[in-house]
PDB file of N, CA and C in Angstrom:
ATOM      1  N   MET A   1      10.478  14.572   1.785  1.00  0.00           N
ATOM      2  CA  MET A   1      10.401  13.976   0.725  1.00  0.00           C
ATOM      3  C   MET A   1       8.951  13.299   1.114  1.00  0.00           C
ATOM      4  N   ARG A   2       7.978  13.300   0.282  1.00  0.00           N
ATOM      5  CA  ARG A   2       6.940  12.435   0.463  1.00  0.00           C
ATOM      6  C   ARG A   2       6.922  10.883  -0.783  1.00  0.00           C
ATOM      7  N   ILE A   3       7.367   9.644  -0.098  1.00  0.00           N
ATOM      8  CA  ILE A   3       7.268   8.469  -0.728  1.00  0.00           C
ATOM      9  C   ILE A   3       6.556   7.215   0.066  1.00  0.00           C
ATOM     10  N   VAL A   4       6.709   6.302  -0.997  1.00  0.00           N
ATOM     11  CA  VAL A   4       6.228   5.134  -0.241  1.00  0.00           C
ATOM     12  C   VAL A   4       7.627   4.479   0.263  1.00  0.00           C
ATOM     13  N   HIS A   5       7.023   3.769   1.709  1.00  0.00           N
ATOM     14  CA  HIS A   5       8.074   3.603   2.320  1.00  0.00           C
ATOM     15  C   HIS A   5       8.838   1.881   2.092  1.00  0.00           C
ATOM     16  N   SER A   6       8.037   1.369   1.685  1.00  0.00           N
ATOM     17  CA  SER A   6       8.030  -0.057   1.365  1.00  0.00           C
ATOM     18  C   SER A   6       7.299  -0.843   0.576  1.00  0.00           C
ATOM     19  N   LEU A   7       7.223  -1.763  -0.087  1.00  0.00           N
ATOM     20  CA  LEU A   7       6.602  -2.356  -0.962  1.00  0.00           C
ATOM     21  C   LEU A   7       6.968  -4.081  -0.911  1.00  0.00           C
ATOM     22  N   LEU A   8       6.158  -4.691  -0.342  1.00  0.00           N
ATOM     23  CA  LEU A   8       6.451  -6.260  -0.911  1.00  0.00           C
ATOM     24  C   LEU A   8       5.473  -6.996  -1.946  1.00  0.00           C
ATOM     25  N   VAL A   9       5.933  -7.652  -2.930  1.00  0.00           N
ATOM     26  CA  VAL A   9       5.200  -8.432  -3.331  1.00  0.00           C
ATOM     27  C   VAL A   9       5.540 -10.056  -3.008  1.00  0.00           C
ATOM     28  N   GLU A  10       4.268 -10.439  -3.039  1.00  0.00           N
ATOM     29  CA  GLU A  10       4.154 -12.199  -2.921  1.00  0.00           C
ATOM     30  C   GLU A  10       3.396 -12.832  -3.577  1.00  0.00           C
ATOM     31  N   PRO A  11       3.382 -13.818  -4.135  1.00  0.00           N
ATOM     32  CA  PRO A  11       2.193 -14.258  -4.810  1.00  0.00           C
ATOM     33  C   PRO A  11       0.899 -14.070  -3.839  1.00  0.00           C
ATOM     34  N   GLY A  12      -0.036 -13.361  -5.035  1.00  0.00           N
ATOM     35  CA  GLY A  12      -1.204 -13.234  -4.147  1.00  0.00           C
ATOM     36  C   GLY A  12      -1.683 -12.408  -3.315  1.00  0.00           C
ATOM     37  N   LEU A  13      -0.271 -11.648  -2.854  1.00  0.00           N
ATOM     38  CA  LEU A  13       0.047 -10.360  -1.973  1.00  0.00           C
ATOM     39  C   LEU A  13       1.063  -9.642  -2.290  1.00  0.00           C
ATOM     40  N   LEU A  14      -0.034  -8.405  -2.045  1.00  0.00           N
ATOM     41  CA  LEU A  14       1.139  -7.229  -2.145  1.00  0.00           C
ATOM     42  C   LEU A  14       0.752  -6.381  -0.644  1.00  0.00           C
ATOM     43  N   SER A  15       1.802  -6.001  -0.312  1.00  0.00           N
ATOM     44  CA  SER A  15       1.957  -5.225   0.991  1.00  0.00           C
ATOM     45  C   SER A  15       2.657  -3.825   0.736  1.00  0.00           C
ATOM     46  N   ILE A  16       1.827  -2.502   1.158  1.00  0.00           N
ATOM     47  CA  ILE A  16       2.426  -1.476   1.002  1.00  0.00           C
ATOM     48  C   ILE A  16       2.558  -0.142   2.195  1.00  0.00           C
ATOM     49  N   ASP A  17       3.714  -0.037   2.258  1.00  0.00           N
ATOM     50  CA  ASP A  17       3.505   1.205   3.520  1.00  0.00           C
ATOM     51  C   ASP A  17       3.733   2.556   2.748  1.00  0.00           C
ATOM     52  N   PHE A  18       2.383   3.132   2.923  1.00  0.00           N
ATOM     53  CA  PHE A  18       2.587   4.128   1.915  1.00  0.00           C
ATOM     54  C   PHE A  18       2.939   5.436   2.775  1.00  0.00           C
ATOM     55  N   GLY A  19       3.733   5.242   3.718  1.00  0.00           N
ATOM     56  CA  GLY A  19       4.471   6.383   4.531  1.00  0.00           C
ATOM     57  C   GLY A  19       4.029   7.884   4.605  1.00  0.00           C
ATOM     58  N   THR A  20       5.282   8.558   3.859  1.00  0.00           N
ATOM     59  CA  THR A  20       4.736   9.864   3.646  1.00  0.00           C
ATOM     60  C   THR A  20       4.344  10.129   2.154  1.00  0.00           C
ATOM     61  N   ALA A  21       3.739   9.205   1.626  1.00  0.00           N
ATOM     62  CA  ALA A  21       3.525   9.323   0.178  1.00  0.00           C
ATOM     63  C   ALA A  21       2.016  10.302   0.432  1.00  0.00           C
ATOM     64  N   GLU A  22       2.002  11.096  -0.889  1.00  0.00           N
ATOM     65  CA  GLU A  22       0.953  11.780  -1.233  1.00  0.00           C
ATOM     66  C   GLU A  22      -0.592  10.586  -1.231  1.00  0.00           C
ATOM     67  N   PRO A  23      -1.851  10.878  -0.891  1.00  0.00           N
ATOM     68  CA  PRO A  23      -2.959  10.487  -1.279  1.00  0.00           C
ATOM     69  C   PRO A  23      -3.740   9.501  -2.566  1.00  0.00           C
ATOM     70  N   ALA A  24      -2.826  10.373  -3.321  1.00  0.00           N
ATOM     71  CA  ALA A  24      -2.755   9.913  -4.895  1.00  0.00           C
ATOM     72  C   ALA A  24      -2.361   8.592  -5.503  1.00  0.00           C
ATOM     73  N   ALA A  25      -1.075   8.321  -4.348  1.00  0.00           N
ATOM     74  CA  ALA A  25      -0.423   7.249  -4.929  1.00  0.00           C
ATOM     75  C   ALA A  25      -1.020   5.920  -4.366  1.00  0.00           C
ATOM     76  N   PHE A  26      -2.351   5.969  -3.599  1.00  0.00           N
ATOM     77  CA  PHE A  26      -3.180   4.986  -3.138  1.00  0.00           C
ATOM     78  C   PHE A  26      -4.242   4.829  -4.552  1.00  0.00           C
ATOM     79  N   TRP A  27      -4.835   5.135  -5.005  1.00  0.00           N
ATOM     80  CA  TRP A  27      -5.249   5.253  -6.543  1.00  0.00           C
ATOM     81  C   TRP A  27      -4.435   5.086  -7.419  1.00  0.00           C
ATOM     82  N   GLU A  28      -3.016   5.740  -7.694  1.00  0.00           N
ATOM     83  CA  GLU A  28      -2.575   5.070  -8.526  1.00  0.00           C
ATOM     84  C   GLU A  28      -2.133   3.386  -8.728  1.00  0.00           C
ATOM     85  N   ILE A  29      -1.913   3.344  -7.383  1.00  0.00           N
ATOM     86  CA  ILE A  29      -1.281   1.383  -7.384  1.00  0.00           C
ATOM     87  C   ILE A  29      -3.021   0.881  -7.759  1.00  0.00           C
ATOM     88  N   LEU A  30      -3.545   1.268  -7.170  1.00  0.00           N
ATOM     89  CA  LEU A  30      -5.590   0.699  -7.656  1.00  0.00           C
ATOM     90  C   LEU A  30      -5.175   0.586  -9.088  1.00  0.00           C
ATOM     91  N   ASP A  31      -5.137   1.735 -10.040  1.00  0.00           N
ATOM     92  CA  ASP A  31      -4.882   1.834 -11.509  1.00  0.00           C
ATOM     93  C   ASP A  31      -4.271   0.879 -11.856  1.00  0.00           C
ATOM     94  N   LEU A  32      -2.935   0.490 -11.282  1.00  0.00           N
ATOM     95  CA  LEU A  32      -2.250   0.005 -11.643  1.00  0.00           C
ATOM     96  C   LEU A  32      -2.401  -1.833 -11.691  1.00  0.00           C
ATOM     97  N   LEU A  33      -2.948  -2.133 -10.581  1.00  0.00           N
ATOM     98  CA  LEU A  33      -3.206  -3.377 -10.616  1.00  0.00           C
ATOM     99  C   LEU A  33      -4.500  -3.486 -11.634  1.00  0.00           C
ATOM    100  N   LYS A  34      -5.490  -2.419 -11.496  1.00  0.00           N
ATOM    101  CA  LYS A  34      -6.610  -3.001 -12.241  1.00  0.00           C
ATOM    102  C   LYS A  34      -6.233  -3.437 -13.940  1.00  0.00           C
ATOM    103  N   ASN A  35      -5.270  -2.494 -13.863  1.00  0.00           N
ATOM    104  CA  ASN A  35      -4.693  -2.682 -15.650  1.00  0.00           C
ATOM    105  C   ASN A  35      -3.914  -3.942 -15.919  1.00  0.00           C
ATOM    106  N   ALA A  36      -2.970  -4.746 -14.792  1.00  0.00           N
ATOM    107  CA  ALA A  36      -2.675  -5.950 -14.483  1.00  0.00           C
ATOM    108  C   ALA A  36      -3.764  -6.537 -14.501  1.00  0.00           C
ATOM    109  N   GLY A  37      -4.987  -6.817 -14.651  1.00  0.00           N
ATOM    110  CA  GLY A  37      -5.889  -7.810 -14.424  1.00  0.00           C
ATOM    111  C   GLY A  37      -6.304  -8.004 -13.036  1.00  0.00           C
ATOM    112  N   ALA A  38      -5.951  -6.968 -12.117  1.00  0.00           N
ATOM    113  CA  ALA A  38      -6.492  -7.727 -10.453  1.00  0.00           C
ATOM    114  C   ALA A  38      -8.141  -7.860 -10.921  1.00  0.00           C
ATOM    115  N   SER A  39      -9.067  -8.391 -10.284  1.00  0.00           N
ATOM    116  CA  SER A  39     -10.515  -9.139 -10.720  1.00  0.00           C
ATOM    117  C   SER A  39     -11.153  -8.365  -9.076  1.00  0.00           C
ATOM    118  N   SER A  40     -10.299  -8.513  -8.039  1.00  0.00           N
ATOM    119  CA  SER A  40     -10.759  -8.410  -6.871  1.00  0.00           C
ATOM    120  C   SER A  40      -9.255  -7.843  -5.812  1.00  0.00           C
ATOM    121  N   ILE A  41      -9.698  -6.941  -4.881  1.00  0.00           N
ATOM    122  CA  ILE A  41      -8.892  -6.560  -3.982  1.00  0.00           C
ATOM    123  C   ILE A  41      -9.162  -6.731  -2.587  1.00  0.00           C
ATOM    124  N   ASP A  42      -8.781  -7.711  -1.482  1.00  0.00           N
ATOM    125  CA  ASP A  42      -8.885  -6.929   0.311  1.00  0.00           C
ATOM    126  C   ASP A  42      -7.592  -5.627   0.543  1.00  0.00           C
ATOM    127  N   ILE A  43      -8.128  -4.515   1.286  1.00  0.00           N
ATOM    128  CA  ILE A  43      -7.776  -3.386   1.701  1.00  0.00           C
ATOM    129  C   ILE A  43      -7.769  -3.792   3.403  1.00  0.00           C
ATOM    130  N   SER A  44      -6.393  -3.722   3.873  1.00  0.00           N
ATOM    131  CA  SER A  44      -6.682  -3.564   5.747  1.00  0.00           C
ATOM    132  C   SER A  44      -5.875  -2.551   5.747  1.00  0.00           C
ATOM    133  N   CYS A  45      -6.198  -2.252   7.118  1.00  0.00           N
ATOM    134  CA  CYS A  45      -4.738  -1.091   8.119  1.00  0.00           C
ATOM    135  C   CYS A  45      -4.223  -1.404   8.647  1.00  0.00           C
ATOM    136  N   SER A  46      -3.151  -1.266   9.292  1.00  0.00           N
ATOM    137  CA  SER A  46      -2.211  -1.861  10.522  1.00  0.00           C
ATOM    138  C   SER A  46      -1.413  -0.535  10.690  1.00  0.00           C
ATOM    139  N   ARG A  47      -1.253  -0.783  12.132  1.00  0.00           N
ATOM    140  CA  ARG A  47      -0.386   0.189  12.486  1.00  0.00           C
ATOM    141  C   ARG A  47       0.436  -0.288  13.715  1.00  0.00           C
ATOM    142  N   ALA A  48       1.922   0.332  14.177  1.00  0.00           N
ATOM    143  CA  ALA A  48       2.489  -0.030  14.653  1.00  0.00           C
ATOM    144  C   ALA A  48       2.078   0.283  16.152  1.00  0.00           C
ATOM    145  N   LYS A  49       2.372  -0.682  17.155  1.00  0.00           N
ATOM    146  CA  LYS A  49       2.280   0.266  18.521  1.00  0.00           C
ATOM    147  C   LYS A  49       3.172   0.398  19.226  1.00  0.00           C
ATOM    148  N   THR A  50       3.434   1.838  19.753  1.00  0.00           N
ATOM    149  CA  THR A  50       4.114   2.759  19.794  1.00  0.00           C
ATOM    150  C   THR A  50       3.987   2.608  21.727  1.00  0.00           C
ATOM    151  N   GLU A  51       5.068   2.516  22.480  1.00  0.00           N
ATOM    152  CA  GLU A  51       4.821   3.182  23.872  1.00  0.00           C
ATOM    153  C   GLU A  51       5.076   4.348  24.357  1.00  0.00           C
ATOM    154  N   LEU A  52       4.356   4.929  25.304  1.00  0.00           N
ATOM    155  CA  LEU A  52       4.946   6.098  25.513  1.00  0.00           C
ATOM    156  C   LEU A  52       5.410   6.331  27.078  1.00  0.00           C
ATOM    157  N   ASN A  53       6.605   7.089  26.834  1.00  0.00           N
ATOM    158  CA  ASN A  53       7.218   6.926  28.446  1.00  0.00           C
ATOM    159  C   ASN A  53       6.393   7.554  29.777  1.00  0.00           C
TER     160      ASN A  53
END
């Protein structure tokens, strides 16, 4: 199943783990934010560190 894994909403912050979601999910969320009145956004990326044994 291709889904967003988590979404955290705080004042002035929206944190999303897109997980296995289709790339279109990113653009759909941007449209939702624009329609909700967002005038600017900052986009960043992070990845969990994994250890190789």
